[in-house]
Amino acid sequence: MNQSSIKIDVLLDPNKVPQQITWRATDTNSDMAQKAKAMCIAFWDSADKTALRIDLWTKDMMVDEMTDFFYQMFSTMADTYQRATKQNELSDDIKNFAKEFYKKFRESQLAGNK
């Protein structure tokens, strides 16, 4: 049986706000830690039927980057949900929500620039 590990390091400022996030995985070609401005990890606890989540982002992450990050997470979650459940209609609903979410953000940016 194979085992794979992912190591995440979070550098905090004096106020315990994430300043830097780096990660490395054993099953990658890179020997160097990879930088990230944000991360979202979720685990399913089947005993309690709850999702356990870790959401962190660095203080230099811009709002438009966070929006792109969420848009991409919604879209890839839709793909994962479809592969796991074969529920095409619900997967499409998630993708449509992601598109509408992104569209509303862009509209709010344009309105704020006027």
Protein backbone atom coordinates (compact mmCIF):
# COMPACT_ATOMS: atom_id res chain seq x y z
CA MET A 1 0.00 0.00 0.00
CA ASN A 2 1.30 3.48 -0.88
CA GLN A 3 1.16 6.49 1.40
CA SER A 4 1.17 10.12 0.37
CA SER A 5 1.59 13.14 2.63
CA ILE A 6 0.90 16.84 2.31
CA LYS A 7 2.65 19.24 4.69
CA ILE A 8 1.29 22.76 5.17
CA ASP A 9 3.20 25.52 6.95
CA VAL A 10 1.57 28.79 7.94
CA LEU A 11 3.71 31.75 9.02
CA LEU A 12 1.73 34.06 11.30
CA ASP A 13 2.32 37.72 12.07
CA PRO A 14 2.30 38.92 15.73
CA ASN A 15 -1.53 39.20 15.55
CA LYS A 16 -1.79 35.57 14.37
CA VAL A 17 -2.87 36.61 10.88
CA PRO A 18 -1.46 34.35 8.15
CA GLN A 19 1.45 36.07 6.46
CA GLN A 20 2.64 33.17 4.32
CA ILE A 21 1.30 29.73 3.40
CA THR A 22 3.54 27.06 1.92
CA TRP A 23 2.88 23.42 1.18
CA ARG A 24 4.64 20.39 -0.19
CA ALA A 25 3.47 16.94 -1.17
CA THR A 26 5.35 13.67 -1.31
CA ASP A 27 3.87 12.74 -4.70
CA THR A 28 5.16 15.73 -6.66
CA ASN A 29 8.17 16.40 -8.82
CA SER A 30 9.01 19.59 -6.93
CA ASP A 31 11.48 19.45 -4.07
CA MET A 32 10.65 23.00 -3.03
CA ALA A 33 7.67 24.13 -0.99
CA GLN A 34 4.94 25.78 -3.05
CA LYS A 35 3.57 29.18 -2.01
CA ALA A 36 -0.14 29.88 -1.73
CA LYS A 37 -2.14 32.95 -0.76
CA ALA A 38 -5.16 30.95 0.39
CA MET A 39 -6.29 27.45 1.24
CA CYS A 40 -9.52 25.68 2.00
CA ILE A 41 -9.47 22.13 3.30
CA ALA A 42 -12.55 20.13 4.25
CA PHE A 43 -12.84 16.74 5.92
CA TRP A 44 -16.04 14.73 6.22
CA ASP A 45 -16.71 13.31 9.68
CA SER A 46 -19.13 10.49 8.92
CA ALA A 47 -19.77 9.75 12.60
CA ASP A 48 -21.05 13.29 13.30
CA LYS A 49 -22.16 13.93 9.70
CA THR A 50 -20.34 17.25 9.66
CA ALA A 51 -17.76 18.94 7.51
CA LEU A 52 -14.63 20.06 9.32
CA ARG A 53 -12.98 22.96 7.52
CA ILE A 54 -9.79 24.96 7.59
CA ASP A 55 -9.96 28.21 5.63
CA LEU A 56 -6.93 30.50 5.66
CA TRP A 57 -5.75 33.35 3.48
CA THR A 58 -2.80 35.69 3.71
CA LYS A 59 -3.23 39.33 4.49
CA ASP A 60 -1.92 40.32 1.05
CA MET A 61 -4.60 38.40 -0.85
CA MET A 62 -6.65 40.84 -2.89
CA VAL A 63 -10.46 40.71 -3.14
CA ASP A 64 -10.36 39.95 -6.86
CA GLU A 65 -7.98 37.04 -6.16
CA MET A 66 -10.36 35.73 -3.49
CA THR A 67 -13.22 35.97 -5.97
CA ASP A 68 -11.25 34.04 -8.59
CA PHE A 69 -10.33 31.47 -5.94
CA PHE A 70 -13.97 30.95 -4.92
CA TYR A 71 -15.17 30.84 -8.54
CA GLN A 72 -12.65 28.12 -9.32
CA MET A 73 -13.48 26.19 -6.13
CA PHE A 74 -17.21 26.27 -6.92
CA SER A 75 -16.54 25.10 -10.48
CA THR A 76 -14.23 22.26 -9.48
CA MET A 77 -16.57 21.21 -6.65
CA ALA A 78 -19.32 20.91 -9.28
CA ASP A 79 -17.07 18.63 -11.34
CA THR A 80 -16.19 16.53 -8.30
CA TYR A 81 -19.84 16.29 -7.25
CA GLN A 82 -20.84 15.16 -10.75
CA ARG A 83 -18.12 12.49 -10.88
CA ALA A 84 -19.04 11.20 -7.42
CA THR A 85 -22.83 11.23 -7.78
CA LYS A 86 -23.63 11.36 -11.52
CA GLN A 87 -26.10 14.14 -10.64
CA ASN A 88 -25.64 16.23 -13.78
CA GLU A 89 -28.47 18.68 -13.07
CA LEU A 90 -27.24 19.51 -9.56
CA SER A 91 -23.68 19.82 -10.82
CA ASP A 92 -24.89 22.23 -13.51
CA ASP A 93 -26.72 24.23 -10.81
CA ILE A 94 -23.46 24.65 -8.90
CA LYS A 95 -21.65 25.75 -12.08
CA ASN A 96 -24.43 28.22 -12.89
CA PHE A 97 -24.20 29.62 -9.37
CA ALA A 98 -20.43 30.01 -9.82
CA LYS A 99 -20.92 31.94 -13.06
CA GLU A 100 -23.56 34.19 -11.49
CA PHE A 101 -21.35 34.76 -8.44
CA TYR A 102 -18.45 35.83 -10.66
CA LYS A 103 -20.69 37.99 -12.84
CA LYS A 104 -22.11 39.84 -9.80
CA PHE A 105 -18.62 40.47 -8.45
CA ARG A 106 -17.49 41.94 -11.79
CA GLU A 107 -20.61 44.13 -11.94
CA SER A 108 -19.95 45.41 -8.42
CA GLN A 109 -16.36 46.21 -9.39
CA LEU A 110 -17.52 48.17 -12.43
CA ALA A 111 -20.13 50.03 -10.38
CA GLY A 112 -17.52 50.91 -7.76
CA ASN A 113 -15.20 52.34 -10.41
CA LYS A 114 -17.77 54.89 -11.62
